[in-house]
Amino acid sequence: MTDSIVVSEWDSDLFHRKVMELEAQGYVARRETYRVTAEMNPETGIVSHVHSMELYRDARKS
């Protein structure tokens, strides 16, 4: 059994910091799930990028 979470952030520095913190806690990043998605605010037309990735920890090893 695995314990999976998804990290999703607008700020790339905060995203990478959270991923590194979780890896230090024993999570493993599923690098193939890394995505950067452009999202547009319909009111302003400003495009921002959302960074997301799945991480898992093998519950049998915890």
Protein backbone atom coordinates (compact mmCIF):
# COMPACT_ATOMS: atom_id res chain seq x y z
CA MET A 1 0.00 0.00 0.00
CA THR A 2 1.30 3.48 -0.84
CA ASP A 3 0.51 6.89 0.59
CA SER A 4 0.21 9.39 -2.32
CA ILE A 5 -0.17 13.17 -2.34
CA VAL A 6 -0.24 15.83 -5.04
CA VAL A 7 1.70 19.07 -4.60
CA SER A 8 0.26 21.96 -6.60
CA GLU A 9 1.45 25.58 -6.41
CA TRP A 10 1.34 28.77 -8.46
CA ASP A 11 4.77 29.91 -7.25
CA SER A 12 7.56 27.74 -8.70
CA ASP A 13 9.99 28.43 -5.83
CA LEU A 14 7.38 27.44 -3.24
CA PHE A 15 6.50 24.34 -5.28
CA HIS A 16 10.10 23.13 -5.42
CA ARG A 17 10.62 23.91 -1.73
CA LYS A 18 7.56 21.82 -0.77
CA VAL A 19 8.70 18.92 -2.97
CA MET A 20 12.17 18.98 -1.38
CA GLU A 21 10.68 19.06 2.14
CA LEU A 22 8.47 16.07 1.37
CA GLU A 23 11.38 14.15 -0.15
CA ALA A 24 13.33 14.79 3.06
CA GLN A 25 10.40 13.21 4.93
CA GLY A 26 10.66 10.04 2.84
CA TYR A 27 8.35 10.76 -0.08
CA VAL A 28 9.44 9.86 -3.60
CA ALA A 29 8.54 12.18 -6.48
CA ARG A 30 6.86 10.60 -9.48
CA ARG A 31 8.75 12.77 -11.94
CA GLU A 32 6.65 11.59 -14.88
CA THR A 33 3.63 13.31 -13.29
CA TYR A 34 5.29 16.76 -13.22
CA ARG A 35 3.11 19.28 -15.05
CA VAL A 36 3.17 23.01 -15.66
CA THR A 37 -0.28 24.18 -16.73
CA ALA A 38 -1.12 27.65 -17.96
CA GLU A 39 -4.25 29.07 -16.32
CA MET A 40 -5.84 32.35 -17.39
CA ASN A 41 -7.83 34.60 -15.13
CA PRO A 42 -10.95 35.30 -17.25
CA GLU A 43 -11.46 38.72 -15.65
CA THR A 44 -7.94 40.08 -16.20
CA GLY A 45 -6.57 37.90 -19.00
CA ILE A 46 -3.39 37.36 -16.97
CA VAL A 47 -1.87 33.93 -17.51
CA SER A 48 -0.21 32.17 -14.56
CA HIS A 49 1.41 28.77 -14.39
CA VAL A 50 0.44 26.02 -11.95
CA HIS A 51 3.16 23.49 -11.07
CA SER A 52 2.02 20.06 -9.88
CA MET A 53 3.49 16.62 -9.21
CA GLU A 54 2.49 13.45 -7.40
CA LEU A 55 4.66 12.08 -4.61
CA TYR A 56 4.31 8.78 -2.77
CA ARG A 57 5.60 7.01 0.30
CA ASP A 58 5.51 3.26 0.64
CA ALA A 59 3.38 2.72 3.77
CA ARG A 60 4.98 -0.69 4.32
CA LYS A 61 8.37 0.97 4.94
CA SER A 62 7.05 3.61 7.39
